């Protein structure tokens, strides 16, 4: 068991130390997902002998409760010792998993895409990562108050805008969207707050707009909408089309007016896939067991947050910027998802 430096803000079962990623097969996943892959023999005995650390995100986001629920599943079903780590979300999680300071982590596909396309220094870290599964979608939610006078993207000029914390998927998405909308940092006052801080700032009027890249509903926005009248800024079709064309990871989507109190109509936006990350050095058996437990216990995750309703075995394999772990592909092949 190797010691790993972790800043563990919360642990589910009071474990604060080492990771479970054991050195094993470095077999490369085929570039084409459907390509045949030799099956890995799966033992029926527990193979989790070390502490499993799951990197989550802001405690006010969706990654945190789902990470805790997933930790409980692995504890109960796989006899593993599991802890969760609060982070700034996607970018932090990508780095922690790549450096083996966490064993699993949640990240959005656009963060991985940005690391590959826009940050050459991240190439080595990205090369160490593998996907266990594509899970639910994050929706871009551009939030303001109904009294702000903000109705279109043109109204954002001169406003105080929270673009999200450094290390978050929200930050990547906000910066891309604002750039493609021809808004530079000179056109607005930039703030870098967490979800909970953003909600508080909207309450007290210290910001005008906040970007949220989150599953639906975001817990902080759900609470905020019950306290004050809020609005979600709709994305123009031409901007959504531009984002889809330039970045393969975004999809035109719609947020139902039923998601938050006070919305008068459905809101057009874009969404991005969330991915469950793991290191390439995790054994095929471990990866198989982890993904098997995920899909065998979806009800437990869905009971924690409705965003987990978007996790579907038939959509576990999608076009994402990184390869899938061979152990995960073995499971998907056994389920008939790939051949």
C-alpha atoms as a PDB file:
ATOM      1  CA  UNK A   1       0.000   0.000   0.000  1.00  0.00           C
ATOM      2  CA  UNK A   2       1.607   3.219  -1.021  1.00  0.00           C
ATOM      3  CA  UNK A   3       1.295   6.491   0.887  1.00  0.00           C
ATOM      4  CA  UNK A   4      -0.295   9.330  -1.012  1.00  0.00           C
ATOM      5  CA  UNK A   5      -0.563  12.987  -0.097  1.00  0.00           C
ATOM      6  CA  UNK A   6      -4.258  13.867  -0.008  1.00  0.00           C
ATOM      7  CA  UNK A   7      -6.167  16.856   1.291  1.00  0.00           C
ATOM      8  CA  UNK A   8      -9.225  14.872   2.253  1.00  0.00           C
ATOM      9  CA  UNK A   9     -11.946  17.204   3.392  1.00  0.00           C
ATOM     10  CA  UNK A  10     -14.510  14.478   3.895  1.00  0.00           C
ATOM     11  CA  UNK A  11     -14.174  10.734   4.304  1.00  0.00           C
ATOM     12  CA  UNK A  12     -17.094   8.430   4.396  1.00  0.00           C
ATOM     13  CA  UNK A  13     -15.613   5.809   6.631  1.00  0.00           C
ATOM     14  CA  UNK A  14     -12.828   7.678   8.430  1.00  0.00           C
ATOM     15  CA  UNK A  15     -10.019   6.554   6.208  1.00  0.00           C
ATOM     16  CA  UNK A  16      -7.349   9.108   5.444  1.00  0.00           C
ATOM     17  CA  UNK A  17      -4.319   7.682   3.783  1.00  0.00           C
ATOM     18  CA  UNK A  18      -3.539   5.588   0.794  1.00  0.00           C
ATOM     19  CA  UNK A  19      -4.922   4.558  -2.548  1.00  0.00           C
ATOM     20  CA  UNK A  20      -6.152   1.316  -3.985  1.00  0.00           C
ATOM     21  CA  UNK A  21      -4.742   1.625  -7.457  1.00  0.00           C
ATOM     22  CA  UNK A  22      -2.450  -1.355  -7.833  1.00  0.00           C
ATOM     23  CA  UNK A  23       0.082  -1.700 -10.620  1.00  0.00           C
ATOM     24  CA  UNK A  24      -1.191  -4.016 -13.297  1.00  0.00           C
ATOM     25  CA  UNK A  25      -1.923  -4.281 -16.988  1.00  0.00           C
ATOM     26  CA  UNK A  26      -0.936  -1.323 -19.127  1.00  0.00           C
ATOM     27  CA  UNK A  27      -2.875  -2.787 -22.057  1.00  0.00           C
ATOM     28  CA  UNK A  28      -4.032  -0.014 -24.344  1.00  0.00           C
ATOM     29  CA  UNK A  29      -7.715   0.361 -25.079  1.00  0.00           C
ATOM     30  CA  UNK A  30      -8.513   0.181 -28.790  1.00  0.00           C
ATOM     31  CA  UNK A  31      -9.006   3.574 -30.437  1.00  0.00           C
ATOM     32  CA  UNK A  32     -12.232   2.253 -31.931  1.00  0.00           C
ATOM     33  CA  UNK A  33     -14.448   1.242 -29.035  1.00  0.00           C
ATOM     34  CA  UNK A  34     -16.165  -1.626 -30.808  1.00  0.00           C
ATOM     35  CA  UNK A  35     -12.945  -3.423 -31.711  1.00  0.00           C
ATOM     36  CA  UNK A  36     -12.612  -6.944 -30.255  1.00  0.00           C
ATOM     37  CA  UNK A  37     -10.745  -7.169 -26.941  1.00  0.00           C
ATOM     38  CA  UNK A  38      -9.560 -10.308 -25.188  1.00  0.00           C
ATOM     39  CA  UNK A  39     -11.742 -10.878 -22.139  1.00  0.00           C
ATOM     40  CA  UNK A  40     -10.273 -10.546 -18.668  1.00  0.00           C
ATOM     41  CA  UNK A  41     -10.990 -13.433 -16.265  1.00  0.00           C
ATOM     42  CA  UNK A  42     -13.004 -12.049 -13.346  1.00  0.00           C
ATOM     43  CA  UNK A  43     -12.499 -13.444  -9.837  1.00  0.00           C
ATOM     44  CA  UNK A  44     -15.498 -13.766  -7.503  1.00  0.00           C
ATOM     45  CA  UNK A  45     -13.410 -12.809  -4.493  1.00  0.00           C
ATOM     46  CA  UNK A  46     -13.006  -9.201  -3.351  1.00  0.00           C
ATOM     47  CA  UNK A  47      -9.975  -7.593  -4.996  1.00  0.00           C
ATOM     48  CA  UNK A  48     -10.100  -4.268  -3.127  1.00  0.00           C
ATOM     49  CA  UNK A  49      -7.445  -4.517  -0.428  1.00  0.00           C
ATOM     50  CA  UNK A  50      -6.453  -0.844  -0.200  1.00  0.00           C
ATOM     51  CA  UNK A  51      -8.320   2.401   0.435  1.00  0.00           C
ATOM     52  CA  UNK A  52     -10.330   3.686  -2.539  1.00  0.00           C
ATOM     53  CA  UNK A  53     -10.420   7.488  -2.821  1.00  0.00           C
ATOM     54  CA  UNK A  54     -13.095   9.157  -4.977  1.00  0.00           C
ATOM     55  CA  UNK A  55     -12.442  12.765  -6.033  1.00  0.00           C
ATOM     56  CA  UNK A  56     -15.784  14.574  -6.176  1.00  0.00           C
ATOM     57  CA  UNK A  57     -16.281  18.346  -6.312  1.00  0.00           C
ATOM     58  CA  UNK A  58     -17.861  21.299  -4.559  1.00  0.00           C
ATOM     59  CA  UNK A  59     -20.109  20.105  -1.707  1.00  0.00           C
ATOM     60  CA  UNK A  60     -22.937  22.173  -3.205  1.00  0.00           C
ATOM     61  CA  UNK A  61     -22.734  20.414  -6.581  1.00  0.00           C
ATOM     62  CA  UNK A  62     -23.928  17.041  -7.882  1.00  0.00           C
ATOM     63  CA  UNK A  63     -20.536  15.266  -7.926  1.00  0.00           C
ATOM     64  CA  UNK A  64     -20.351  15.344  -4.129  1.00  0.00           C
ATOM     65  CA  UNK A  65     -23.568  13.442  -3.213  1.00  0.00           C
ATOM     66  CA  UNK A  66     -23.108  11.007  -6.104  1.00  0.00           C
ATOM     67  CA  UNK A  67     -19.501  10.394  -5.064  1.00  0.00           C
ATOM     68  CA  UNK A  68     -20.634   9.631  -1.526  1.00  0.00           C
ATOM     69  CA  UNK A  69     -23.340   7.288  -2.777  1.00  0.00           C
ATOM     70  CA  UNK A  70     -20.861   5.535  -5.065  1.00  0.00           C
ATOM     71  CA  UNK A  71     -18.465   5.166  -2.148  1.00  0.00           C
ATOM     72  CA  UNK A  72     -21.168   3.476  -0.096  1.00  0.00           C
ATOM     73  CA  UNK A  73     -21.909   1.095  -2.958  1.00  0.00           C
ATOM     74  CA  UNK A  74     -18.257   0.053  -3.204  1.00  0.00           C
ATOM     75  CA  UNK A  75     -18.053  -0.303   0.564  1.00  0.00           C
ATOM     76  CA  UNK A  76     -21.150  -2.484   0.820  1.00  0.00           C
ATOM     77  CA  UNK A  77     -20.944  -4.489  -2.404  1.00  0.00           C
ATOM     78  CA  UNK A  78     -17.176  -4.845  -2.854  1.00  0.00           C
ATOM     79  CA  UNK A  79     -16.011  -4.858   0.780  1.00  0.00           C
ATOM     80  CA  UNK A  80     -13.777  -1.892   0.029  1.00  0.00           C
ATOM     81  CA  UNK A  81     -12.630   0.856   2.371  1.00  0.00           C
ATOM     82  CA  UNK A  82     -13.698   4.049   0.652  1.00  0.00           C
ATOM     83  CA  UNK A  83     -13.279   7.788   1.181  1.00  0.00           C
ATOM     84  CA  UNK A  84     -14.339  10.867  -0.767  1.00  0.00           C
ATOM     85  CA  UNK A  85     -12.345  14.021  -1.387  1.00  0.00           C
ATOM     86  CA  UNK A  86     -13.857  17.475  -1.895  1.00  0.00           C
ATOM     87  CA  UNK A  87     -12.186  19.298  -4.809  1.00  0.00           C
ATOM     88  CA  UNK A  88     -12.835  22.156  -7.207  1.00  0.00           C
ATOM     89  CA  UNK A  89     -14.193  19.436  -9.518  1.00  0.00           C
ATOM     90  CA  UNK A  90     -13.208  18.377 -13.036  1.00  0.00           C
ATOM     91  CA  UNK A  91      -9.708  19.819 -13.528  1.00  0.00           C
ATOM     92  CA  UNK A  92      -8.635  18.953  -9.992  1.00  0.00           C
ATOM     93  CA  UNK A  93     -10.054  15.448 -10.362  1.00  0.00           C
ATOM     94  CA  UNK A  94      -8.280  14.889 -13.656  1.00  0.00           C
ATOM     95  CA  UNK A  95      -4.942  15.830 -12.072  1.00  0.00           C
ATOM     96  CA  UNK A  96      -5.506  13.832  -8.865  1.00  0.00           C
ATOM     97  CA  UNK A  97      -6.396  10.642 -10.745  1.00  0.00           C
ATOM     98  CA  UNK A  98      -3.567  11.044 -13.257  1.00  0.00           C
ATOM     99  CA  UNK A  99      -1.090  11.429 -10.385  1.00  0.00           C
ATOM    100  CA  UNK A 100      -2.609   8.484  -8.446  1.00  0.00           C
ATOM    101  CA  UNK A 101      -3.577  10.747  -5.566  1.00  0.00           C
ATOM    102  CA  UNK A 102      -7.181   9.632  -6.102  1.00  0.00           C
ATOM    103  CA  UNK A 103      -8.470   6.414  -7.616  1.00  0.00           C
ATOM    104  CA  UNK A 104     -11.701   7.609  -9.212  1.00  0.00           C
ATOM    105  CA  UNK A 105     -12.870  11.060 -10.221  1.00  0.00           C
ATOM    106  CA  UNK A 106     -15.686  12.831 -11.984  1.00  0.00           C
ATOM    107  CA  UNK A 107     -14.914  15.156 -14.907  1.00  0.00           C
ATOM    108  CA  UNK A 108     -16.702  16.727 -17.834  1.00  0.00           C
ATOM    109  CA  UNK A 109     -15.698  15.901 -21.387  1.00  0.00           C
ATOM    110  CA  UNK A 110     -14.966  19.552 -22.186  1.00  0.00           C
ATOM    111  CA  UNK A 111     -12.321  19.716 -19.447  1.00  0.00           C
ATOM    112  CA  UNK A 112     -10.538  16.729 -20.976  1.00  0.00           C
ATOM    113  CA  UNK A 113     -10.948  18.264 -24.420  1.00  0.00           C
ATOM    114  CA  UNK A 114      -9.525  21.593 -23.239  1.00  0.00           C
ATOM    115  CA  UNK A 115      -6.555  19.870 -21.620  1.00  0.00           C
ATOM    116  CA  UNK A 116      -5.771  18.109 -24.883  1.00  0.00           C
ATOM    117  CA  UNK A 117      -6.494  20.963 -27.286  1.00  0.00           C
ATOM    118  CA  UNK A 118      -5.511  24.048 -25.312  1.00  0.00           C
ATOM    119  CA  UNK A 119      -2.904  23.024 -22.746  1.00  0.00           C
ATOM    120  CA  UNK A 120       0.136  21.127 -24.053  1.00  0.00           C
ATOM    121  CA  UNK A 121       1.489  20.816 -20.501  1.00  0.00           C
ATOM    122  CA  UNK A 122      -1.478  18.568 -19.655  1.00  0.00           C
ATOM    123  CA  UNK A 123      -0.743  15.989 -22.344  1.00  0.00           C
ATOM    124  CA  UNK A 124       1.182  13.646 -20.064  1.00  0.00           C
ATOM    125  CA  UNK A 125      -1.516  13.722 -17.387  1.00  0.00           C
ATOM    126  CA  UNK A 126      -4.253  13.039 -19.919  1.00  0.00           C
ATOM    127  CA  UNK A 127      -2.348  10.085 -21.357  1.00  0.00           C
ATOM    128  CA  UNK A 128      -2.553   8.341 -17.975  1.00  0.00           C
ATOM    129  CA  UNK A 129      -6.349   8.588 -17.758  1.00  0.00           C
ATOM    130  CA  UNK A 130      -8.974   6.071 -18.810  1.00  0.00           C
ATOM    131  CA  UNK A 131     -12.773   6.217 -18.698  1.00  0.00           C
ATOM    132  CA  UNK A 132     -14.874   3.756 -16.751  1.00  0.00           C
ATOM    133  CA  UNK A 133     -18.142   5.162 -18.068  1.00  0.00           C
ATOM    134  CA  UNK A 134     -19.859   8.109 -19.638  1.00  0.00           C
ATOM    135  CA  UNK A 135     -22.554   8.956 -17.129  1.00  0.00           C
ATOM    136  CA  UNK A 136     -25.103  11.806 -16.916  1.00  0.00           C
ATOM    137  CA  UNK A 137     -25.011  15.229 -18.609  1.00  0.00           C
ATOM    138  CA  UNK A 138     -24.074  18.618 -17.199  1.00  0.00           C
ATOM    139  CA  UNK A 139     -26.255  21.465 -18.431  1.00  0.00           C
ATOM    140  CA  UNK A 140     -25.019  25.016 -18.817  1.00  0.00           C
ATOM    141  CA  UNK A 141     -27.196  27.170 -16.557  1.00  0.00           C
ATOM    142  CA  UNK A 142     -26.640  30.925 -16.830  1.00  0.00           C
ATOM    143  CA  UNK A 143     -28.445  32.293 -13.803  1.00  0.00           C
ATOM    144  CA  UNK A 144     -29.596  35.788 -12.937  1.00  0.00           C
ATOM    145  CA  UNK A 145     -32.394  37.374 -10.931  1.00  0.00           C
ATOM    146  CA  UNK A 146     -35.624  38.509 -12.530  1.00  0.00           C
ATOM    147  CA  UNK A 147     -34.928  42.048 -11.361  1.00  0.00           C
ATOM    148  CA  UNK A 148     -31.490  42.228 -13.036  1.00  0.00           C
ATOM    149  CA  UNK A 149     -32.757  43.407 -16.414  1.00  0.00           C
ATOM    150  CA  UNK A 150     -30.637  40.739 -18.135  1.00  0.00           C
ATOM    151  CA  UNK A 151     -32.517  38.982 -20.922  1.00  0.00           C
ATOM    152  CA  UNK A 152     -29.957  38.363 -23.696  1.00  0.00           C
ATOM    153  CA  UNK A 153     -26.224  37.844 -24.099  1.00  0.00           C
ATOM    154  CA  UNK A 154     -25.913  41.471 -25.189  1.00  0.00           C
ATOM    155  CA  UNK A 155     -27.085  42.451 -21.712  1.00  0.00           C
ATOM    156  CA  UNK A 156     -24.017  40.797 -20.160  1.00  0.00           C
ATOM    157  CA  UNK A 157     -21.729  43.670 -21.106  1.00  0.00           C
ATOM    158  CA  UNK A 158     -20.563  45.576 -18.050  1.00  0.00           C
ATOM    159  CA  UNK A 159     -22.066  43.045 -15.665  1.00  0.00           C
ATOM    160  CA  UNK A 160     -20.510  41.195 -12.725  1.00  0.00           C
ATOM    161  CA  UNK A 161     -20.296  37.579 -13.871  1.00  0.00           C
ATOM    162  CA  UNK A 162     -19.206  34.530 -11.930  1.00  0.00           C
ATOM    163  CA  UNK A 163     -17.358  32.217 -14.332  1.00  0.00           C
ATOM    164  CA  UNK A 164     -16.630  29.487 -11.761  1.00  0.00           C
ATOM    165  CA  UNK A 165     -13.704  28.339  -9.697  1.00  0.00           C
ATOM    166  CA  UNK A 166     -10.302  27.593 -11.131  1.00  0.00           C
ATOM    167  CA  UNK A 167     -10.196  23.838 -11.642  1.00  0.00           C
ATOM    168  CA  UNK A 168     -13.887  23.470 -12.461  1.00  0.00           C
ATOM    169  CA  UNK A 169     -15.752  22.433 -15.579  1.00  0.00           C
ATOM    170  CA  UNK A 170     -17.925  25.509 -15.106  1.00  0.00           C
ATOM    171  CA  UNK A 171     -14.871  27.718 -15.638  1.00  0.00           C
ATOM    172  CA  UNK A 172     -13.930  25.969 -18.911  1.00  0.00           C
ATOM    173  CA  UNK A 173     -17.465  26.143 -20.247  1.00  0.00           C
ATOM    174  CA  UNK A 174     -18.083  29.741 -19.192  1.00  0.00           C
ATOM    175  CA  UNK A 175     -14.890  31.013 -20.783  1.00  0.00           C
ATOM    176  CA  UNK A 176     -15.603  29.171 -24.033  1.00  0.00           C
ATOM    177  CA  UNK A 177     -19.206  30.377 -24.220  1.00  0.00           C
ATOM    178  CA  UNK A 178     -18.333  33.996 -23.483  1.00  0.00           C
ATOM    179  CA  UNK A 179     -15.493  33.913 -26.008  1.00  0.00           C
ATOM    180  CA  UNK A 180     -17.725  32.480 -28.746  1.00  0.00           C
ATOM    181  CA  UNK A 181     -20.328  35.131 -27.875  1.00  0.00           C
ATOM    182  CA  UNK A 182     -17.624  37.731 -28.648  1.00  0.00           C
ATOM    183  CA  UNK A 183     -17.370  38.888 -25.039  1.00  0.00           C
ATOM    184  CA  UNK A 184     -13.868  39.485 -23.704  1.00  0.00           C
ATOM    185  CA  UNK A 185     -12.806  39.951 -20.089  1.00  0.00           C
ATOM    186  CA  UNK A 186     -12.820  43.687 -20.734  1.00  0.00           C
ATOM    187  CA  UNK A 187     -16.574  43.483 -21.360  1.00  0.00           C
ATOM    188  CA  UNK A 188     -17.507  42.202 -17.875  1.00  0.00           C
ATOM    189  CA  UNK A 189     -16.267  41.911 -14.295  1.00  0.00           C
ATOM    190  CA  UNK A 190     -15.106  38.340 -13.714  1.00  0.00           C
ATOM    191  CA  UNK A 191     -15.677  36.509 -10.419  1.00  0.00           C
ATOM    192  CA  UNK A 192     -14.437  33.018  -9.502  1.00  0.00           C
ATOM    193  CA  UNK A 193     -16.855  31.595  -6.938  1.00  0.00           C
ATOM    194  CA  UNK A 194     -18.093  28.131  -5.992  1.00  0.00           C
ATOM    195  CA  UNK A 195     -21.718  27.108  -6.525  1.00  0.00           C
ATOM    196  CA  UNK A 196     -22.697  27.980  -2.956  1.00  0.00           C
ATOM    197  CA  UNK A 197     -20.807  31.283  -3.076  1.00  0.00           C
ATOM    198  CA  UNK A 198     -22.465  32.121  -6.399  1.00  0.00           C
ATOM    199  CA  UNK A 199     -25.925  31.517  -4.969  1.00  0.00           C
ATOM    200  CA  UNK A 200     -25.139  33.723  -1.966  1.00  0.00           C
ATOM    201  CA  UNK A 201     -23.768  36.451  -4.239  1.00  0.00           C
ATOM    202  CA  UNK A 202     -26.949  36.395  -6.334  1.00  0.00           C
ATOM    203  CA  UNK A 203     -28.986  36.623  -3.141  1.00  0.00           C
ATOM    204  CA  UNK A 204     -27.146  39.650  -1.810  1.00  0.00           C
ATOM    205  CA  UNK A 205     -26.701  41.339  -5.169  1.00  0.00           C
ATOM    206  CA  UNK A 206     -22.893  41.287  -5.256  1.00  0.00           C
ATOM    207  CA  UNK A 207     -22.947  39.635  -8.710  1.00  0.00           C
ATOM    208  CA  UNK A 208     -25.407  39.907 -11.575  1.00  0.00           C
ATOM    209  CA  UNK A 209     -24.948  36.561 -13.333  1.00  0.00           C
ATOM    210  CA  UNK A 210     -23.512  33.141 -12.486  1.00  0.00           C
ATOM    211  CA  UNK A 211     -22.518  30.273 -14.772  1.00  0.00           C
ATOM    212  CA  UNK A 212     -23.274  26.763 -13.513  1.00  0.00           C
ATOM    213  CA  UNK A 213     -22.186  23.611 -15.370  1.00  0.00           C
ATOM    214  CA  UNK A 214     -24.126  21.029 -13.405  1.00  0.00           C
ATOM    215  CA  UNK A 215     -26.534  18.146 -13.454  1.00  0.00           C
ATOM    216  CA  UNK A 216     -30.217  18.968 -13.009  1.00  0.00           C
ATOM    217  CA  UNK A 217     -31.303  20.276 -10.662  1.00  0.00           C
ATOM    218  CA  UNK A 218     -28.313  21.963  -9.065  1.00  0.00           C
ATOM    219  CA  UNK A 219     -28.962  21.861  -5.285  1.00  0.00           C
ATOM    220  CA  UNK A 220     -27.956  25.496  -4.719  1.00  0.00           C
ATOM    221  CA  UNK A 221     -30.127  26.794  -7.563  1.00  0.00           C
ATOM    222  CA  UNK A 222     -33.044  24.675  -6.395  1.00  0.00           C
ATOM    223  CA  UNK A 223     -32.833  26.330  -2.990  1.00  0.00           C
ATOM    224  CA  UNK A 224     -32.245  29.792  -4.458  1.00  0.00           C
ATOM    225  CA  UNK A 225     -35.287  29.554  -6.739  1.00  0.00           C
ATOM    226  CA  UNK A 226     -37.464  28.858  -3.700  1.00  0.00           C
ATOM    227  CA  UNK A 227     -36.227  32.051  -2.035  1.00  0.00           C
ATOM    228  CA  UNK A 228     -36.007  34.668  -4.793  1.00  0.00           C
ATOM    229  CA  UNK A 229     -37.270  34.917  -8.388  1.00  0.00           C
ATOM    230  CA  UNK A 230     -34.529  33.734 -10.765  1.00  0.00           C
ATOM    231  CA  UNK A 231     -34.157  33.498 -14.527  1.00  0.00           C
ATOM    232  CA  UNK A 232     -32.000  31.317 -16.769  1.00  0.00           C
ATOM    233  CA  UNK A 233     -30.533  33.030 -19.799  1.00  0.00           C
ATOM    234  CA  UNK A 234     -31.421  31.149 -22.984  1.00  0.00           C
ATOM    235  CA  UNK A 235     -28.646  30.431 -25.462  1.00  0.00           C
ATOM    236  CA  UNK A 236     -29.291  31.664 -29.013  1.00  0.00           C
ATOM    237  CA  UNK A 237     -29.495  28.855 -31.550  1.00  0.00           C
ATOM    238  CA  UNK A 238     -26.627  30.293 -33.603  1.00  0.00           C
ATOM    239  CA  UNK A 239     -24.334  30.333 -30.567  1.00  0.00           C
ATOM    240  CA  UNK A 240     -25.252  26.763 -29.611  1.00  0.00           C
ATOM    241  CA  UNK A 241     -24.613  25.658 -33.191  1.00  0.00           C
ATOM    242  CA  UNK A 242     -21.247  27.431 -33.163  1.00  0.00           C
ATOM    243  CA  UNK A 243     -20.246  25.662 -29.938  1.00  0.00           C
ATOM    244  CA  UNK A 244     -21.352  22.280 -31.308  1.00  0.00           C
ATOM    245  CA  UNK A 245     -19.329  22.804 -34.462  1.00  0.00           C
ATOM    246  CA  UNK A 246     -16.147  24.041 -32.827  1.00  0.00           C
ATOM    247  CA  UNK A 247     -16.129  21.688 -29.838  1.00  0.00           C
ATOM    248  CA  UNK A 248     -17.255  18.110 -30.393  1.00  0.00           C
ATOM    249  CA  UNK A 249     -18.202  17.705 -26.728  1.00  0.00           C
ATOM    250  CA  UNK A 250     -21.234  20.027 -26.616  1.00  0.00           C
ATOM    251  CA  UNK A 251     -24.807  19.194 -27.590  1.00  0.00           C
ATOM    252  CA  UNK A 252     -27.839  21.444 -27.966  1.00  0.00           C
ATOM    253  CA  UNK A 253     -30.177  20.721 -25.089  1.00  0.00           C
ATOM    254  CA  UNK A 254     -33.145  22.058 -23.132  1.00  0.00           C
ATOM    255  CA  UNK A 255     -33.736  22.695 -19.426  1.00  0.00           C
ATOM    256  CA  UNK A 256     -37.364  22.071 -18.533  1.00  0.00           C
ATOM    257  CA  UNK A 257     -39.261  24.941 -16.936  1.00  0.00           C
ATOM    258  CA  UNK A 258     -40.206  22.461 -14.207  1.00  0.00           C
ATOM    259  CA  UNK A 259     -36.574  22.227 -13.039  1.00  0.00           C
ATOM    260  CA  UNK A 260     -36.660  25.368 -10.869  1.00  0.00           C
ATOM    261  CA  UNK A 261     -39.427  27.456  -9.380  1.00  0.00           C
ATOM    262  CA  UNK A 262     -40.476  30.511 -11.339  1.00  0.00           C
ATOM    263  CA  UNK A 263     -39.258  29.538 -14.815  1.00  0.00           C
ATOM    264  CA  UNK A 264     -41.853  30.657 -17.333  1.00  0.00           C
ATOM    265  CA  UNK A 265     -40.658  28.466 -20.196  1.00  0.00           C
ATOM    266  CA  UNK A 266     -38.144  25.799 -21.169  1.00  0.00           C
ATOM    267  CA  UNK A 267     -34.622  27.157 -21.593  1.00  0.00           C
ATOM    268  CA  UNK A 268     -32.400  26.328 -24.570  1.00  0.00           C
ATOM    269  CA  UNK A 269     -28.765  25.653 -23.698  1.00  0.00           C
ATOM    270  CA  UNK A 270     -25.940  23.162 -24.314  1.00  0.00           C
ATOM    271  CA  UNK A 271     -24.935  20.098 -22.322  1.00  0.00           C
ATOM    272  CA  UNK A 272     -21.759  18.058 -21.904  1.00  0.00           C
ATOM    273  CA  UNK A 273     -21.123  14.475 -20.807  1.00  0.00           C
ATOM    274  CA  UNK A 274     -19.747  13.619 -17.387  1.00  0.00           C
ATOM    275  CA  UNK A 275     -17.125  10.885 -17.289  1.00  0.00           C
ATOM    276  CA  UNK A 276     -15.993   8.638 -14.463  1.00  0.00           C
ATOM    277  CA  UNK A 277     -12.190   8.612 -14.602  1.00  0.00           C
ATOM    278  CA  UNK A 278      -9.657   6.010 -13.517  1.00  0.00           C
ATOM    279  CA  UNK A 279      -5.902   5.567 -13.997  1.00  0.00           C
ATOM    280  CA  UNK A 280      -4.621   3.314 -16.777  1.00  0.00           C
ATOM    281  CA  UNK A 281      -2.612   1.262 -14.262  1.00  0.00           C
ATOM    282  CA  UNK A 282      -5.690   0.009 -12.403  1.00  0.00           C
ATOM    283  CA  UNK A 283      -6.011  -3.724 -13.014  1.00  0.00           C
ATOM    284  CA  UNK A 284      -8.592  -4.998 -15.473  1.00  0.00           C
ATOM    285  CA  UNK A 285     -10.294  -6.940 -12.684  1.00  0.00           C
ATOM    286  CA  UNK A 286     -10.609  -3.862 -10.477  1.00  0.00           C
ATOM    287  CA  UNK A 287     -11.943  -1.733 -13.342  1.00  0.00           C
ATOM    288  CA  UNK A 288     -14.450  -4.438 -14.266  1.00  0.00           C
ATOM    289  CA  UNK A 289     -15.709  -4.698 -10.697  1.00  0.00           C
ATOM    290  CA  UNK A 290     -16.031  -0.941 -10.318  1.00  0.00           C
ATOM    291  CA  UNK A 291     -18.129  -0.489 -13.452  1.00  0.00           C
ATOM    292  CA  UNK A 292     -20.169  -3.621 -12.707  1.00  0.00           C
ATOM    293  CA  UNK A 293     -21.062  -2.303  -9.242  1.00  0.00           C
ATOM    294  CA  UNK A 294     -21.978   1.080 -10.706  1.00  0.00           C
ATOM    295  CA  UNK A 295     -24.558  -0.308 -13.123  1.00  0.00           C
ATOM    296  CA  UNK A 296     -25.813  -3.029 -10.788  1.00  0.00           C
ATOM    297  CA  UNK A 297     -26.712  -0.444  -8.147  1.00  0.00           C
ATOM    298  CA  UNK A 298     -27.998   2.507 -10.158  1.00  0.00           C
ATOM    299  CA  UNK A 299     -31.104   2.704  -7.993  1.00  0.00           C
ATOM    300  CA  UNK A 300     -28.981   3.717  -5.016  1.00  0.00           C
ATOM    301  CA  UNK A 301     -27.451   6.595  -6.987  1.00  0.00           C
ATOM    302  CA  UNK A 302     -30.805   7.681  -8.405  1.00  0.00           C
ATOM    303  CA  UNK A 303     -32.265   7.823  -4.907  1.00  0.00           C
ATOM    304  CA  UNK A 304     -29.584  10.366  -3.971  1.00  0.00           C
ATOM    305  CA  UNK A 305     -29.984  12.766  -6.906  1.00  0.00           C
ATOM    306  CA  UNK A 306     -32.229  12.861  -9.963  1.00  0.00           C
ATOM    307  CA  UNK A 307     -29.244  13.669 -12.213  1.00  0.00           C
ATOM    308  CA  UNK A 308     -28.320   9.988 -11.866  1.00  0.00           C
ATOM    309  CA  UNK A 309     -31.467   9.154 -13.840  1.00  0.00           C
ATOM    310  CA  UNK A 310     -29.361  10.120 -16.836  1.00  0.00           C
ATOM    311  CA  UNK A 311     -26.928   7.248 -16.215  1.00  0.00           C
ATOM    312  CA  UNK A 312     -27.861   4.570 -18.710  1.00  0.00           C
ATOM    313  CA  UNK A 313     -25.916   1.432 -19.611  1.00  0.00           C
ATOM    314  CA  UNK A 314     -26.840   1.820 -23.286  1.00  0.00           C
ATOM    315  CA  UNK A 315     -25.132   5.253 -23.262  1.00  0.00           C
ATOM    316  CA  UNK A 316     -22.053   4.241 -21.276  1.00  0.00           C
ATOM    317  CA  UNK A 317     -19.875   4.301 -24.390  1.00  0.00           C
ATOM    318  CA  UNK A 318     -19.822   7.669 -26.136  1.00  0.00           C
ATOM    319  CA  UNK A 319     -17.397   9.652 -28.249  1.00  0.00           C
ATOM    320  CA  UNK A 320     -15.133  11.234 -25.630  1.00  0.00           C
ATOM    321  CA  UNK A 321     -11.562  12.628 -25.688  1.00  0.00           C
ATOM    322  CA  UNK A 322      -9.948   9.674 -23.845  1.00  0.00           C
ATOM    323  CA  UNK A 323      -9.892   5.885 -24.179  1.00  0.00           C
ATOM    324  CA  UNK A 324     -11.951   3.457 -22.119  1.00  0.00           C
ATOM    325  CA  UNK A 325     -10.274   1.109 -19.658  1.00  0.00           C
ATOM    326  CA  UNK A 326      -9.971  -2.472 -20.995  1.00  0.00           C
ATOM    327  CA  UNK A 327     -11.656  -3.858 -17.863  1.00  0.00           C
ATOM    328  CA  UNK A 328     -14.650  -1.608 -18.427  1.00  0.00           C
ATOM    329  CA  UNK A 329     -14.834  -2.655 -22.080  1.00  0.00           C
ATOM    330  CA  UNK A 330     -14.897  -6.294 -20.993  1.00  0.00           C
ATOM    331  CA  UNK A 331     -17.983  -5.548 -18.900  1.00  0.00           C
ATOM    332  CA  UNK A 332     -19.700  -3.661 -21.736  1.00  0.00           C
ATOM    333  CA  UNK A 333     -18.991  -6.481 -24.135  1.00  0.00           C
ATOM    334  CA  UNK A 334     -20.504  -9.012 -21.728  1.00  0.00           C
ATOM    335  CA  UNK A 335     -23.602  -6.806 -21.556  1.00  0.00           C
ATOM    336  CA  UNK A 336     -23.843  -6.635 -25.357  1.00  0.00           C
ATOM    337  CA  UNK A 337     -23.138  -2.891 -25.472  1.00  0.00           C
ATOM    338  CA  UNK A 338     -20.093  -3.443 -27.730  1.00  0.00           C
ATOM    339  CA  UNK A 339     -18.940  -6.409 -29.789  1.00  0.00           C
END
